[in-house]
Amino acid sequence: MNFFDFHKTIVQSSADSLKKLAVFNPLTIHRKGTKAKALFALALVCVLWGTTWIASKEGVRHMPALQLAGIRQFIAGLIYVAFFLIKGASLPKGKEWIPVLVLSFLNFIMSNGLSTWGVKYISAGLGSIMGAIFPLWLVVIGLFASREKLPQKAIIGLLLGFSGVCIIFYEHLEDFFIPDFRFGIILSLIATWTWAFATLYTKQQAASFNPYFSLGLQMLISGITLISFTSVTGNAVSISQIPWESWTAIAYLIIFGSLLAFIAYLYALQNLPTEQASIYAYINPIVAVLCGWLIFNERITIFITVGGLVTLLGVYLVNKAFKAVPPPEQPETEGI
């Protein structure tokens, strides 16, 4: 597999794979779709997934972050799993459990768990911008998986992306001497790496059974694991001690982040071009930064503004570069 095949497979896998899986949509919302409704669904995704950073920030102010992530994942996963069990879906068998367990670890325990933990120590806006750079890591991973040269536009995108991050952190250089801030950045950085590896693994080891059911199982397994871990290590509070602010945040994350936004995204993918539907990735950080400013009085400085825009431009150019590369001619085969 050359580099162009690799990047086409990995970087574009998230949106393209979800579009192919739309037939499994539990609400069958693909029926009678219109472009206007799809655009509205996309707008919801842009806002809702951007505001989940704010909800996470509010929730972890009053309780341990990993416990919050665990409760959110457990309840959301339980809803998904219960739905499909009622519909008569069968559980994975044998080796089908392997990708479920691996993705549960990468997607939810590590990526979602650590990014939630990270915003306890850094701003929601900063966390969202860091989360948006994961396509850059996919390109870096691709460099080690292929000997092909990168397109010039991709190289410019990489340089811009990481330059934007440097601009953002320029005003935070002194903050790196603060242990909590440094810890939050490390957690967020690891979360982007695990998300990148999860994307790669998803495409290479996709389960053959209902992907929605798999998603629910991943969340349920991760939720049980995180809740158990925080309880055993003493990093949890009793259910009765969790304040209403955190319960409100958890409810928001479950209803609007894990359920409605995901379904709206699928609807947008079914009725809009993939490139158009993927615009949410560039708007989410902007929404998070603005909401952080309005709700938590997080500062919007010139460094965050310029650096954030430069970073998102870099991510856009990386994705654009490989979408413009024509795929090499090869026989149509399955399971390569």
Protein backbone atom coordinates (compact mmCIF):
# COMPACT_ATOMS: atom_id res chain seq x y z
CA MET A 1 0.00 0.00 0.00
CA ASN A 2 1.55 3.36 -1.05
CA PHE A 3 1.21 6.59 0.87
CA PHE A 4 -1.68 7.92 -1.20
CA ASP A 5 -3.65 4.71 -0.63
CA PHE A 6 -2.81 4.87 3.07
CA HIS A 7 -3.95 8.45 3.52
CA LYS A 8 -7.06 7.99 1.42
CA THR A 9 -7.91 4.99 3.59
CA ILE A 10 -7.15 6.58 6.95
CA VAL A 11 -7.71 10.34 6.83
CA GLN A 12 -10.99 10.11 4.93
CA SER A 13 -12.16 6.96 6.72
CA SER A 14 -14.24 8.61 9.43
CA ALA A 15 -16.75 10.41 7.23
CA ASP A 16 -16.73 7.94 4.35
CA SER A 17 -17.16 4.91 6.58
CA LEU A 18 -20.04 6.46 8.47
CA LYS A 19 -21.76 7.28 5.23
CA LYS A 20 -21.52 3.65 4.12
CA LEU A 21 -22.87 2.53 7.48
CA ALA A 22 -25.92 4.78 7.24
CA VAL A 23 -28.16 1.85 6.40
CA PHE A 24 -27.79 0.72 10.00
CA ASN A 25 -29.19 3.98 11.38
CA PRO A 26 -31.51 2.95 14.22
CA LEU A 27 -33.91 5.81 13.51
CA THR A 28 -33.85 5.31 9.71
CA ILE A 29 -33.69 9.10 9.37
CA HIS A 30 -32.35 8.74 5.84
CA ARG A 31 -35.90 8.48 4.55
CA LYS A 32 -37.45 11.53 2.94
CA GLY A 33 -34.28 13.58 3.50
CA THR A 34 -33.81 16.99 1.94
CA LYS A 35 -30.78 19.19 1.57
CA ALA A 36 -32.33 21.87 3.78
CA LYS A 37 -32.87 19.37 6.59
CA ALA A 38 -29.35 18.02 6.09
CA LEU A 39 -27.87 21.51 6.39
CA PHE A 40 -29.88 22.07 9.56
CA ALA A 41 -28.59 18.73 10.92
CA LEU A 42 -25.04 19.77 10.07
CA ALA A 43 -25.53 23.08 11.85
CA LEU A 44 -26.70 21.16 14.92
CA VAL A 45 -23.58 19.02 14.80
CA CYS A 46 -21.34 22.08 14.55
CA VAL A 47 -22.96 23.61 17.62
CA LEU A 48 -23.62 20.52 19.74
CA TRP A 49 -20.21 18.89 19.39
CA GLY A 50 -18.60 22.26 20.01
CA THR A 51 -20.58 22.77 23.21
CA THR A 52 -19.73 19.31 24.58
CA TRP A 53 -16.33 20.72 25.50
CA ILE A 54 -18.11 23.29 27.65
CA ALA A 55 -20.32 20.66 29.26
CA SER A 56 -17.28 18.53 30.06
CA LYS A 57 -15.49 21.55 31.52
CA GLU A 58 -18.47 22.34 33.76
CA GLY A 59 -18.91 18.73 34.82
CA VAL A 60 -15.29 18.14 35.86
CA ARG A 61 -15.29 21.26 37.99
CA HIS A 62 -17.41 19.40 40.55
CA MET A 63 -16.34 15.74 40.30
CA PRO A 64 -13.45 13.49 39.13
CA ALA A 65 -13.10 13.68 35.35
CA LEU A 66 -12.68 9.98 34.64
CA GLN A 67 -15.70 9.17 36.77
CA LEU A 68 -17.77 11.68 34.78
CA ALA A 69 -16.55 10.19 31.49
CA GLY A 70 -17.32 6.70 32.77
CA ILE A 71 -20.87 7.53 33.84
CA ARG A 72 -21.56 9.30 30.55
CA GLN A 73 -20.25 6.40 28.49
CA PHE A 74 -21.99 3.78 30.61
CA ILE A 75 -25.44 5.36 30.31
CA ALA A 76 -25.09 6.23 26.60
CA GLY A 77 -23.71 2.77 25.84
CA LEU A 78 -26.51 1.13 27.81
CA ILE A 79 -29.08 3.01 25.72
CA TYR A 80 -27.47 1.86 22.46
CA VAL A 81 -27.04 -1.74 23.58
CA ALA A 82 -30.56 -1.99 25.05
CA PHE A 83 -32.04 -0.65 21.81
CA PHE A 84 -30.38 -3.30 19.66
CA LEU A 85 -30.99 -6.14 22.09
CA ILE A 86 -34.69 -5.26 22.06
CA LYS A 87 -34.53 -5.28 18.25
CA GLY A 88 -33.11 -8.79 18.38
CA ALA A 89 -29.49 -8.01 17.50
CA SER A 90 -26.97 -10.69 18.41
CA LEU A 91 -23.83 -10.08 20.43
CA PRO A 92 -20.40 -10.33 18.77
CA LYS A 93 -18.96 -13.79 18.50
CA GLY A 94 -15.42 -15.02 18.92
CA LYS A 95 -12.87 -12.77 17.24
CA GLU A 96 -15.50 -10.08 16.64
CA TRP A 97 -14.91 -9.03 20.25
CA ILE A 98 -11.29 -8.10 19.54
CA PRO A 99 -11.93 -4.86 17.59
CA VAL A 100 -14.69 -3.94 20.03
CA LEU A 101 -12.31 -4.21 22.98
CA VAL A 102 -9.43 -2.47 21.20
CA LEU A 103 -11.62 0.43 20.05
CA SER A 104 -13.23 0.67 23.47
CA PHE A 105 -9.76 1.26 24.87
CA LEU A 106 -8.55 3.66 22.16
CA ASN A 107 -11.74 5.63 21.44
CA PHE A 108 -13.33 5.90 24.85
CA ILE A 109 -11.04 4.95 27.73
CA MET A 110 -8.07 6.83 26.29
CA SER A 111 -9.30 9.45 23.81
CA ASN A 112 -12.60 10.52 25.38
CA GLY A 113 -11.48 9.79 28.92
CA LEU A 114 -8.20 11.71 28.69
CA SER A 115 -9.63 14.65 26.74
CA THR A 116 -12.35 14.98 29.41
CA TRP A 117 -9.69 14.82 32.11
CA GLY A 118 -7.57 17.34 30.22
CA VAL A 119 -10.16 20.15 30.28
CA LYS A 120 -10.06 20.03 34.07
CA TYR A 121 -6.68 21.77 33.80
CA ILE A 122 -6.87 23.72 30.55
CA SER A 123 -9.54 25.83 28.88
CA ALA A 124 -12.33 24.18 26.89
CA GLY A 125 -11.32 26.19 23.83
CA LEU A 126 -7.70 25.08 24.03
CA GLY A 127 -8.77 21.46 24.49
CA SER A 128 -11.03 21.62 21.43
CA ILE A 129 -8.28 23.09 19.24
CA MET A 130 -5.89 20.36 20.30
CA GLY A 131 -8.54 17.77 19.52
CA ALA A 132 -8.87 19.17 16.01
CA ILE A 133 -5.23 18.47 15.07
CA PHE A 134 -5.58 14.68 15.03
CA PRO A 135 -5.57 14.51 11.17
CA LEU A 136 -2.03 15.89 11.33
CA TRP A 137 -0.97 12.90 13.42
CA LEU A 138 -2.51 10.58 10.83
CA VAL A 139 -0.17 12.08 8.25
CA VAL A 140 2.80 11.68 10.58
CA ILE A 141 1.83 8.03 11.13
CA GLY A 142 1.56 7.64 7.37
CA LEU A 143 5.13 8.84 6.94
CA PHE A 144 6.32 5.79 8.83
CA ALA A 145 4.05 3.47 6.89
CA SER A 146 5.07 4.47 3.38
CA ARG A 147 8.06 5.67 1.39
CA GLU A 148 5.99 7.88 -0.87
CA LYS A 149 6.58 11.62 -0.84
CA LEU A 150 3.99 13.99 0.56
CA PRO A 151 2.20 16.40 -1.82
CA GLN A 152 3.44 19.96 -1.45
CA LYS A 153 0.06 21.17 -0.19
CA ALA A 154 0.13 18.54 2.55
CA ILE A 155 3.60 19.63 3.65
CA ILE A 156 2.40 23.24 3.82
CA GLY A 157 -0.63 22.07 5.79
CA LEU A 158 1.53 20.20 8.27
CA LEU A 159 3.79 23.20 8.77
CA LEU A 160 0.83 25.55 9.15
CA GLY A 161 -0.95 23.21 11.54
CA PHE A 162 1.91 22.84 13.94
CA SER A 163 2.91 26.49 13.50
CA GLY A 164 -0.59 27.45 14.60
CA VAL A 165 -0.20 25.32 17.72
CA CYS A 166 3.10 27.08 18.44
CA ILE A 167 1.39 30.47 18.09
CA ILE A 168 -1.32 29.42 20.53
CA PHE A 169 1.19 28.24 23.10
CA TYR A 170 3.46 31.24 22.75
CA GLU A 171 1.52 33.10 25.42
CA HIS A 172 1.38 29.95 27.54
CA LEU A 173 5.13 29.36 27.72
CA GLU A 174 5.25 30.38 31.37
CA ASP A 175 2.17 28.24 32.08
CA PHE A 176 4.18 25.13 31.22
CA PHE A 177 5.97 25.62 34.53
CA ILE A 178 2.58 25.06 36.20
CA PRO A 179 2.25 21.30 36.80
CA ASP A 180 -1.55 21.21 36.35
CA PHE A 181 -1.46 23.07 33.04
CA ARG A 182 1.37 20.88 31.76
CA PHE A 183 -0.51 17.76 32.83
CA GLY A 184 -3.67 18.90 31.03
CA ILE A 185 -1.75 19.49 27.81
CA ILE A 186 -0.12 16.06 28.01
CA LEU A 187 -3.49 14.38 28.57
CA SER A 188 -5.03 16.21 25.59
CA LEU A 189 -2.06 15.37 23.40
CA ILE A 190 -2.23 11.65 24.21
CA ALA A 191 -5.98 11.77 23.51
CA THR A 192 -5.31 13.00 19.95
CA TRP A 193 -2.75 10.25 19.38
CA THR A 194 -5.08 7.49 20.52
CA TRP A 195 -7.89 8.91 18.38
CA ALA A 196 -5.57 8.80 15.36
CA PHE A 197 -4.57 5.20 16.03
CA ALA A 198 -8.23 4.30 16.60
CA THR A 199 -9.11 5.75 13.19
CA LEU A 200 -6.38 3.68 11.59
CA TYR A 201 -7.41 0.52 13.41
CA THR A 202 -11.10 1.05 12.63
CA LYS A 203 -10.44 0.96 8.91
CA GLN A 204 -8.10 -2.01 9.06
CA GLN A 205 -10.01 -4.15 11.56
CA ALA A 206 -13.64 -3.08 11.18
CA ALA A 207 -16.11 -5.50 12.72
CA SER A 208 -18.53 -7.23 10.38
CA PHE A 209 -21.56 -6.81 12.62
CA ASN A 210 -23.79 -3.75 13.15
CA PRO A 211 -21.41 -0.81 13.76
CA TYR A 212 -23.97 1.06 15.87
CA PHE A 213 -24.23 -1.92 18.18
CA SER A 214 -20.43 -2.02 18.29
CA LEU A 215 -20.36 1.65 19.25
CA GLY A 216 -22.74 1.01 22.13
CA LEU A 217 -20.72 -1.96 23.33
CA GLN A 218 -17.52 0.10 23.21
CA MET A 219 -19.07 2.83 25.34
CA LEU A 220 -20.59 0.34 27.77
CA ILE A 221 -17.32 -1.55 28.24
CA SER A 222 -15.37 1.68 28.63
CA GLY A 223 -17.92 3.09 31.07
CA ILE A 224 -17.77 0.01 33.29
CA THR A 225 -13.95 0.05 33.14
CA LEU A 226 -13.61 3.73 34.05
CA ILE A 227 -16.20 3.57 36.84
CA SER A 228 -14.48 0.50 38.30
CA PHE A 229 -11.03 2.05 37.96
CA THR A 230 -11.98 5.29 39.69
CA SER A 231 -13.72 3.39 42.48
CA VAL A 232 -10.80 1.02 43.12
CA THR A 233 -8.23 3.83 43.06
CA GLY A 234 -10.29 6.08 45.31
CA ASN A 235 -10.70 8.76 42.62
CA ALA A 236 -14.48 8.76 42.72
CA VAL A 237 -17.21 10.31 44.79
CA SER A 238 -20.41 8.57 45.84
CA ILE A 239 -23.40 8.98 43.55
CA SER A 240 -25.22 10.94 46.25
CA GLN A 241 -22.36 13.45 46.42
CA ILE A 242 -22.35 14.28 42.74
CA PRO A 243 -23.83 17.81 42.49
CA TRP A 244 -26.61 18.76 40.12
CA GLU A 245 -24.19 20.76 37.96
CA SER A 246 -22.30 17.60 37.07
CA TRP A 247 -25.50 15.58 36.52
CA THR A 248 -26.74 18.32 34.20
CA ALA A 249 -23.46 18.19 32.28
CA ILE A 250 -23.63 14.38 32.06
CA ALA A 251 -27.22 14.51 30.80
CA TYR A 252 -26.25 17.09 28.17
CA LEU A 253 -23.27 15.03 27.03
CA ILE A 254 -25.40 11.88 26.73
CA ILE A 255 -28.46 13.37 25.03
CA PHE A 256 -26.88 16.01 22.83
CA GLY A 257 -23.32 14.73 22.44
CA SER A 258 -23.57 10.94 22.29
CA LEU A 259 -27.06 10.54 20.78
CA LEU A 260 -28.60 13.51 18.94
CA ALA A 261 -25.41 14.98 17.48
CA PHE A 262 -24.20 11.61 16.23
CA ILE A 263 -27.52 10.84 14.55
CA ALA A 264 -27.64 14.35 13.06
CA TYR A 265 -24.13 13.83 11.68
CA LEU A 266 -25.20 10.60 10.01
CA TYR A 267 -28.19 12.37 8.49
CA ALA A 268 -25.93 15.12 7.14
CA LEU A 269 -23.57 12.52 5.67
CA GLN A 270 -26.45 10.76 3.96
CA ASN A 271 -27.69 13.91 2.24
CA LEU A 272 -24.60 16.09 1.74
CA PRO A 273 -21.20 15.59 0.09
CA THR A 274 -18.64 14.19 2.52
CA GLU A 275 -16.44 17.29 2.19
CA GLN A 276 -19.36 19.55 3.11
CA ALA A 277 -20.46 17.39 6.03
CA SER A 278 -16.90 17.31 7.38
CA ILE A 279 -16.87 21.08 7.89
CA TYR A 280 -18.02 20.48 11.48
CA ALA A 281 -14.40 19.64 12.37
CA TYR A 282 -13.36 23.24 11.64
CA ILE A 283 -16.35 24.90 13.30
CA ASN A 284 -16.44 22.89 16.55
CA PRO A 285 -13.29 24.53 17.99
CA ILE A 286 -14.61 27.99 17.13
CA VAL A 287 -17.88 27.23 18.91
CA ALA A 288 -15.97 25.87 21.92
CA VAL A 289 -13.73 28.93 22.14
CA LEU A 290 -16.67 31.35 21.92
CA CYS A 291 -18.74 29.40 24.46
CA GLY A 292 -15.76 29.19 26.79
CA TRP A 293 -15.44 32.96 26.59
CA LEU A 294 -19.16 33.54 27.22
CA ILE A 295 -19.66 30.97 29.99
CA PHE A 296 -16.32 30.61 31.77
CA ASN A 297 -14.77 33.99 30.87
CA GLU A 298 -11.93 32.19 29.10
CA ARG A 299 -9.72 34.73 27.38
CA ILE A 300 -9.82 35.06 23.60
CA THR A 301 -6.43 36.53 22.84
CA ILE A 302 -4.82 37.39 19.53
CA PHE A 303 -2.60 34.32 19.89
CA ILE A 304 -5.56 31.96 20.34
CA THR A 305 -7.46 33.60 17.48
CA VAL A 306 -4.61 33.67 14.97
CA GLY A 307 -3.08 30.39 16.09
CA GLY A 308 -6.42 28.61 16.05
CA LEU A 309 -7.25 29.80 12.54
CA VAL A 310 -3.78 28.90 11.26
CA THR A 311 -4.06 25.43 12.82
CA LEU A 312 -7.47 24.78 11.27
CA LEU A 313 -6.20 26.06 7.91
CA GLY A 314 -3.34 23.58 8.14
CA VAL A 315 -5.71 20.71 8.90
CA TYR A 316 -7.91 21.80 5.99
CA LEU A 317 -4.96 21.87 3.56
CA VAL A 318 -3.81 18.41 4.66
CA ASN A 319 -7.25 16.94 4.03
CA LYS A 320 -7.65 18.90 0.79
CA ALA A 321 -4.26 17.78 -0.52
CA PHE A 322 -5.08 14.11 -0.37
CA LYS A 323 -8.63 14.47 -1.57
CA ALA A 324 -7.15 16.04 -4.73
CA VAL A 325 -4.79 13.10 -5.31
CA PRO A 326 -6.29 10.69 -7.85
CA PRO A 327 -6.28 7.13 -6.56
CA PRO A 328 -3.98 4.74 -8.45
CA GLU A 329 -5.60 2.31 -10.83
CA GLN A 330 -6.11 -1.08 -9.24
CA PRO A 331 -8.57 -3.95 -9.49
CA GLU A 332 -11.71 -3.67 -7.42
CA THR A 333 -11.24 -6.14 -4.60
CA GLU A 334 -12.59 -6.47 -1.10
CA GLY A 335 -10.67 -6.64 2.17
CA ILE A 336 -7.31 -5.22 0.99
